[in-house]
C-alpha cells in the first residue's frame, strides 16, 4: 500500500506594503500618475477626443480576432 507524501501546509502570503511600494516606484519611473477620479465616462470622452470611434469596435474586434 502506497502512502501519500505529506503536503506542506504552510501558507504563503505576499506583503502588500512591499508590492505597493514596488508599483509606486515603477509608476514614478514610467511617469504614470494614477487618477483617483477616473471613470469609464472620462475614458470614453478621452478616446473620442483622440479620434477613436466607438462604432469601430477596435478593442472587442481584436479580442474576437484572437
PDB file of N, CA and C in Angstrom:
ATOM      1  N   UNK A   1       0.842  -1.161   0.000  1.00  0.00           N
ATOM      2  CA  UNK A   1       0.000   0.000   0.000  1.00  0.00           C
ATOM      3  C   UNK A   1       0.895   1.235   0.000  1.00  0.00           C
ATOM      4  N   UNK A   2       0.660   2.114  -0.959  1.00  0.00           N
ATOM      5  CA  UNK A   2       1.475   3.327  -1.091  1.00  0.00           C
ATOM      6  C   UNK A   2       0.937   4.412  -0.174  1.00  0.00           C
ATOM      7  N   UNK A   3       1.839   5.135   0.403  1.00  0.00           N
ATOM      8  CA  UNK A   3       1.401   6.238   1.255  1.00  0.00           C
ATOM      9  C   UNK A   3       1.610   7.556   0.506  1.00  0.00           C
ATOM     10  N   UNK A   4       0.744   8.492   0.768  1.00  0.00           N
ATOM     11  CA  UNK A   4       0.835   9.796   0.125  1.00  0.00           C
ATOM     12  C   UNK A   4       1.876  10.646   0.850  1.00  0.00           C
ATOM     13  N   UNK A   5       2.681  11.371   0.085  1.00  0.00           N
ATOM     14  CA  UNK A   5       3.633  12.267   0.762  1.00  0.00           C
ATOM     15  C   UNK A   5       2.878  13.390   1.455  1.00  0.00           C
ATOM     16  N   UNK A   6       3.401  13.803   2.596  1.00  0.00           N
ATOM     17  CA  UNK A   6       2.745  14.874   3.339  1.00  0.00           C
ATOM     18  C   UNK A   6       2.935  16.199   2.601  1.00  0.00           C
ATOM     19  N   UNK A   7       1.847  16.913   2.443  1.00  0.00           N
ATOM     20  CA  UNK A   7       1.893  18.218   1.793  1.00  0.00           C
ATOM     21  C   UNK A   7       2.209  19.276   2.842  1.00  0.00           C
ATOM     22  N   UNK A   8       3.060  20.191   2.473  1.00  0.00           N
ATOM     23  CA  UNK A   8       3.382  21.270   3.402  1.00  0.00           C
ATOM     24  C   UNK A   8       2.152  22.157   3.549  1.00  0.00           C
ATOM     25  N   UNK A   9       1.724  22.388   4.763  1.00  0.00           N
ATOM     26  CA  UNK A   9       0.500  23.142   4.994  1.00  0.00           C
ATOM     27  C   UNK A   9       0.748  24.630   5.204  1.00  0.00           C
ATOM     28  N   UNK A  10       1.998  25.053   5.124  1.00  0.00           N
ATOM     29  CA  UNK A  10       2.318  26.460   5.336  1.00  0.00           C
ATOM     30  C   UNK A  10       1.749  27.295   4.181  1.00  0.00           C
ATOM     31  N   UNK A  11       1.071  28.358   4.520  1.00  0.00           N
ATOM     32  CA  UNK A  11       0.520  29.244   3.505  1.00  0.00           C
ATOM     33  C   UNK A  11       1.537  30.334   3.200  1.00  0.00           C
ATOM     34  N   UNK A  12       1.494  30.767   1.948  1.00  0.00           N
ATOM     35  CA  UNK A  12       2.403  31.825   1.558  1.00  0.00           C
ATOM     36  C   UNK A  12       1.588  33.067   1.221  1.00  0.00           C
ATOM     37  N   UNK A  13       1.962  34.181   1.819  1.00  0.00           N
ATOM     38  CA  UNK A  13       1.269  35.438   1.601  1.00  0.00           C
ATOM     39  C   UNK A  13       2.268  36.463   1.088  1.00  0.00           C
ATOM     40  N   UNK A  14       1.789  37.334   0.224  1.00  0.00           N
ATOM     41  CA  UNK A  14       2.626  38.429  -0.262  1.00  0.00           C
ATOM     42  C   UNK A  14       2.451  39.626   0.663  1.00  0.00           C
ATOM     43  N   UNK A  15       3.530  40.319   0.902  1.00  0.00           N
ATOM     44  CA  UNK A  15       3.480  41.527   1.719  1.00  0.00           C
ATOM     45  C   UNK A  15       2.958  42.662   0.834  1.00  0.00           C
ATOM     46  N   UNK A  16       1.735  43.083   1.068  1.00  0.00           N
ATOM     47  CA  UNK A  16       1.103  44.092   0.215  1.00  0.00           C
ATOM     48  C   UNK A  16       1.810  45.433   0.287  1.00  0.00           C
ATOM     49  N   UNK A  17       2.408  45.751   1.428  1.00  0.00           N
ATOM     50  CA  UNK A  17       3.149  47.014   1.530  1.00  0.00           C
ATOM     51  C   UNK A  17       4.317  47.021   0.553  1.00  0.00           C
ATOM     52  N   UNK A  18       5.007  45.907   0.469  1.00  0.00           N
ATOM     53  CA  UNK A  18       6.137  45.802  -0.450  1.00  0.00           C
ATOM     54  C   UNK A  18       5.671  45.913  -1.897  1.00  0.00           C
ATOM     55  N   UNK A  19       4.579  45.238  -2.226  1.00  0.00           N
ATOM     56  CA  UNK A  19       4.050  45.288  -3.591  1.00  0.00           C
ATOM     57  C   UNK A  19       3.623  46.706  -3.937  1.00  0.00           C
ATOM     58  N   UNK A  20       2.936  47.389  -3.010  1.00  0.00           N
ATOM     59  CA  UNK A  20       2.519  48.775  -3.263  1.00  0.00           C
ATOM     60  C   UNK A  20       3.728  49.681  -3.502  1.00  0.00           C
ATOM     61  N   UNK A  21       4.787  49.480  -2.735  1.00  0.00           N
ATOM     62  CA  UNK A  21       5.991  50.286  -2.881  1.00  0.00           C
ATOM     63  C   UNK A  21       6.635  50.033  -4.250  1.00  0.00           C
ATOM     64  N   UNK A  22       6.722  48.787  -4.659  1.00  0.00           N
ATOM     65  CA  UNK A  22       7.308  48.446  -5.957  1.00  0.00           C
ATOM     66  C   UNK A  22       6.485  49.047  -7.091  1.00  0.00           C
ATOM     67  N   UNK A  23       5.164  48.946  -7.008  1.00  0.00           N
ATOM     68  CA  UNK A  23       4.292  49.504  -8.039  1.00  0.00           C
ATOM     69  C   UNK A  23       4.418  51.026  -8.079  1.00  0.00           C
ATOM     70  N   UNK A  24       4.492  51.663  -6.924  1.00  0.00           N
ATOM     71  CA  UNK A  24       4.645  53.118  -6.872  1.00  0.00           C
ATOM     72  C   UNK A  24       5.962  53.549  -7.507  1.00  0.00           C
ATOM     73  N   UNK A  25       7.032  52.809  -7.243  1.00  0.00           N
ATOM     74  CA  UNK A  25       8.325  53.125  -7.841  1.00  0.00           C
ATOM     75  C   UNK A  25       8.286  52.939  -9.356  1.00  0.00           C
ATOM     76  N   UNK A  26       7.655  51.877  -9.802  1.00  0.00           N
ATOM     77  CA  UNK A  26       7.530  51.626 -11.242  1.00  0.00           C
ATOM     78  C   UNK A  26       6.709  52.722 -11.907  1.00  0.00           C
ATOM     79  N   UNK A  27       5.590  53.093 -11.297  1.00  0.00           N
ATOM     80  CA  UNK A  27       4.755  54.165 -11.840  1.00  0.00           C
ATOM     81  C   UNK A  27       5.537  55.471 -11.940  1.00  0.00           C
ATOM     82  N   UNK A  28       6.332  55.783 -10.923  1.00  0.00           N
ATOM     83  CA  UNK A  28       7.130  57.012 -10.937  1.00  0.00           C
ATOM     84  C   UNK A  28       8.164  56.961 -12.056  1.00  0.00           C
ATOM     85  N   UNK A  29       8.800  55.816 -12.218  1.00  0.00           N
ATOM     86  CA  UNK A  29       9.818  55.679 -13.261  1.00  0.00           C
ATOM     87  C   UNK A  29       9.201  55.805 -14.656  1.00  0.00           C
ATOM     88  N   UNK A  30       7.986  55.285 -14.831  1.00  0.00           N
ATOM     89  CA  UNK A  30       7.309  55.342 -16.125  1.00  0.00           C
ATOM     90  C   UNK A  30       6.583  56.661 -16.355  1.00  0.00           C
ATOM     91  N   UNK A  31       6.472  57.463 -15.304  1.00  0.00           N
ATOM     92  CA  UNK A  31       5.762  58.732 -15.424  1.00  0.00           C
ATOM     93  C   UNK A  31       4.252  58.576 -15.379  1.00  0.00           C
ATOM     94  N   UNK A  32       3.783  57.453 -14.859  1.00  0.00           N
ATOM     95  CA  UNK A  32       2.347  57.203 -14.760  1.00  0.00           C
ATOM     96  C   UNK A  32       1.823  57.802 -13.469  1.00  0.00           C
ATOM     97  N   UNK A  33       0.796  58.619 -13.581  1.00  0.00           N
ATOM     98  CA  UNK A  33       0.181  59.225 -12.408  1.00  0.00           C
ATOM     99  C   UNK A  33      -1.261  58.721 -12.331  1.00  0.00           C
ATOM    100  N   UNK A  34      -1.575  57.850 -11.363  1.00  0.00           N
ATOM    101  CA  UNK A  34      -2.941  57.351 -11.237  1.00  0.00           C
ATOM    102  C   UNK A  34      -3.922  58.485 -10.945  1.00  0.00           C
ATOM    103  N   UNK A  35      -5.075  58.441 -11.595  1.00  0.00           N
ATOM    104  CA  UNK A  35      -6.118  59.440 -11.377  1.00  0.00           C
ATOM    105  C   UNK A  35      -7.210  58.805 -10.522  1.00  0.00           C
ATOM    106  N   UNK A  36      -7.299  59.171  -9.249  1.00  0.00           N
ATOM    107  CA  UNK A  36      -8.304  58.549  -8.382  1.00  0.00           C
ATOM    108  C   UNK A  36      -9.735  58.894  -8.784  1.00  0.00           C
ATOM    109  N   UNK A  37      -9.905  59.906  -9.606  1.00  0.00           N
ATOM    110  CA  UNK A  37     -11.245  60.308 -10.034  1.00  0.00           C
ATOM    111  C   UNK A  37     -11.582  59.792 -11.432  1.00  0.00           C
ATOM    112  N   UNK A  38     -10.786  58.881 -11.957  1.00  0.00           N
ATOM    113  CA  UNK A  38     -11.036  58.336 -13.294  1.00  0.00           C
ATOM    114  C   UNK A  38     -12.343  57.543 -13.312  1.00  0.00           C
ATOM    115  N   UNK A  39     -13.081  57.714 -14.383  1.00  0.00           N
ATOM    116  CA  UNK A  39     -14.331  56.979 -14.571  1.00  0.00           C
ATOM    117  C   UNK A  39     -14.370  56.455 -16.002  1.00  0.00           C
ATOM    118  N   UNK A  40     -15.187  55.441 -16.255  1.00  0.00           N
ATOM    119  CA  UNK A  40     -15.329  54.957 -17.630  1.00  0.00           C
ATOM    120  C   UNK A  40     -15.794  56.067 -18.578  1.00  0.00           C
ATOM    121  N   UNK A  41     -16.638  56.948 -18.087  1.00  0.00           N
ATOM    122  CA  UNK A  41     -17.134  58.039 -18.932  1.00  0.00           C
ATOM    123  C   UNK A  41     -15.987  58.963 -19.362  1.00  0.00           C
ATOM    124  N   UNK A  42     -15.077  59.269 -18.433  1.00  0.00           N
ATOM    125  CA  UNK A  42     -13.935  60.115 -18.763  1.00  0.00           C
ATOM    126  C   UNK A  42     -13.041  59.437 -19.802  1.00  0.00           C
ATOM    127  N   UNK A  43     -12.841  58.141 -19.635  1.00  0.00           N
ATOM    128  CA  UNK A  43     -12.012  57.400 -20.589  1.00  0.00           C
ATOM    129  C   UNK A  43     -12.650  57.418 -21.967  1.00  0.00           C
ATOM    130  N   UNK A  44     -13.954  57.197 -22.026  1.00  0.00           N
ATOM    131  CA  UNK A  44     -14.649  57.224 -23.320  1.00  0.00           C
ATOM    132  C   UNK A  44     -14.508  58.592 -23.981  1.00  0.00           C
ATOM    133  N   UNK A  45     -14.641  59.655 -23.195  1.00  0.00           N
ATOM    134  CA  UNK A  45     -14.501  61.007 -23.745  1.00  0.00           C
ATOM    135  C   UNK A  45     -13.080  61.243 -24.257  1.00  0.00           C
ATOM    136  N   UNK A  46     -12.095  60.780 -23.492  1.00  0.00           N
ATOM    137  CA  UNK A  46     -10.709  60.922 -23.933  1.00  0.00           C
ATOM    138  C   UNK A  46     -10.469  60.162 -25.234  1.00  0.00           C
ATOM    139  N   UNK A  47     -11.052  58.988 -25.328  1.00  0.00           N
ATOM    140  CA  UNK A  47     -10.895  58.193 -26.552  1.00  0.00           C
ATOM    141  C   UNK A  47     -11.539  58.900 -27.737  1.00  0.00           C
ATOM    142  N   UNK A  48     -12.753  59.427 -27.526  1.00  0.00           N
ATOM    143  CA  UNK A  48     -13.440  60.148 -28.608  1.00  0.00           C
ATOM    144  C   UNK A  48     -12.623  61.355 -29.046  1.00  0.00           C
ATOM    145  N   UNK A  49     -12.067  62.106 -28.077  1.00  0.00           N
ATOM    146  CA  UNK A  49     -11.289  63.291 -28.425  1.00  0.00           C
ATOM    147  C   UNK A  49      -9.982  62.901 -29.124  1.00  0.00           C
ATOM    148  N   UNK A  50      -9.530  61.665 -28.926  1.00  0.00           N
ATOM    149  CA  UNK A  50      -8.332  61.176 -29.599  1.00  0.00           C
ATOM    150  C   UNK A  50      -8.611  60.546 -30.943  1.00  0.00           C
ATOM    151  N   UNK A  51      -9.872  60.572 -31.360  1.00  0.00           N
ATOM    152  CA  UNK A  51     -10.218  60.058 -32.682  1.00  0.00           C
ATOM    153  C   UNK A  51     -10.698  58.623 -32.733  1.00  0.00           C
ATOM    154  N   UNK A  52     -10.874  58.000 -31.580  1.00  0.00           N
ATOM    155  CA  UNK A  52     -11.366  56.616 -31.554  1.00  0.00           C
ATOM    156  C   UNK A  52     -12.882  56.645 -31.664  1.00  0.00           C
ATOM    157  N   UNK A  53     -13.396  55.934 -32.631  1.00  0.00           N
ATOM    158  CA  UNK A  53     -14.858  55.880 -32.824  1.00  0.00           C
ATOM    159  C   UNK A  53     -15.392  54.601 -32.195  1.00  0.00           C
ATOM    160  N   UNK A  54     -16.329  54.716 -31.241  1.00  0.00           N
ATOM    161  CA  UNK A  54     -16.849  53.520 -30.562  1.00  0.00           C
ATOM    162  C   UNK A  54     -17.465  52.511 -31.530  1.00  0.00           C
ATOM    163  N   UNK A  55     -18.071  53.003 -32.590  1.00  0.00           N
ATOM    164  CA  UNK A  55     -18.736  52.090 -33.525  1.00  0.00           C
ATOM    165  C   UNK A  55     -17.744  51.218 -34.300  1.00  0.00           C
ATOM    166  N   UNK A  56     -16.445  51.560 -34.261  1.00  0.00           N
ATOM    167  CA  UNK A  56     -15.441  50.731 -34.938  1.00  0.00           C
ATOM    168  C   UNK A  56     -15.120  49.460 -34.154  1.00  0.00           C
ATOM    169  N   UNK A  57     -15.444  49.441 -32.879  1.00  0.00           N
ATOM    170  CA  UNK A  57     -15.224  48.263 -32.021  1.00  0.00           C
ATOM    171  C   UNK A  57     -13.787  47.753 -32.103  1.00  0.00           C
ATOM    172  N   UNK A  58     -12.814  48.661 -32.061  1.00  0.00           N
ATOM    173  CA  UNK A  58     -11.418  48.262 -32.216  1.00  0.00           C
ATOM    174  C   UNK A  58     -10.975  47.259 -31.163  1.00  0.00           C
ATOM    175  N   UNK A  59     -11.350  47.486 -29.926  1.00  0.00           N
ATOM    176  CA  UNK A  59     -10.885  46.617 -28.849  1.00  0.00           C
ATOM    177  C   UNK A  59     -11.558  45.246 -28.898  1.00  0.00           C
ATOM    178  N   UNK A  60     -12.874  45.236 -28.962  1.00  0.00           N
ATOM    179  CA  UNK A  60     -13.560  43.942 -28.970  1.00  0.00           C
ATOM    180  C   UNK A  60     -13.304  43.187 -30.263  1.00  0.00           C
ATOM    181  N   UNK A  61     -13.117  43.891 -31.360  1.00  0.00           N
ATOM    182  CA  UNK A  61     -12.842  43.217 -32.623  1.00  0.00           C
ATOM    183  C   UNK A  61     -11.502  42.483 -32.536  1.00  0.00           C
ATOM    184  N   UNK A  62     -10.505  43.098 -31.943  1.00  0.00           N
ATOM    185  CA  UNK A  62      -9.195  42.450 -31.800  1.00  0.00           C
ATOM    186  C   UNK A  62      -9.283  41.262 -30.852  1.00  0.00           C
ATOM    187  N   UNK A  63     -10.043  41.396 -29.778  1.00  0.00           N
ATOM    188  CA  UNK A  63     -10.206  40.276 -28.840  1.00  0.00           C
ATOM    189  C   UNK A  63     -10.880  39.104 -29.548  1.00  0.00           C
ATOM    190  N   UNK A  64     -11.917  39.372 -30.320  1.00  0.00           N
ATOM    191  CA  UNK A  64     -12.598  38.308 -31.057  1.00  0.00           C
ATOM    192  C   UNK A  64     -11.678  37.690 -32.104  1.00  0.00           C
ATOM    193  N   UNK A  65     -10.833  38.498 -32.696  1.00  0.00           N
ATOM    194  CA  UNK A  65      -9.895  38.014 -33.701  1.00  0.00           C
ATOM    195  C   UNK A  65      -8.933  36.987 -33.099  1.00  0.00           C
ATOM    196  N   UNK A  66      -8.516  37.228 -31.851  1.00  0.00           N
ATOM    197  CA  UNK A  66      -7.571  36.309 -31.201  1.00  0.00           C
ATOM    198  C   UNK A  66      -8.244  34.982 -30.957  1.00  0.00           C
TER     199      UNK A  66
END
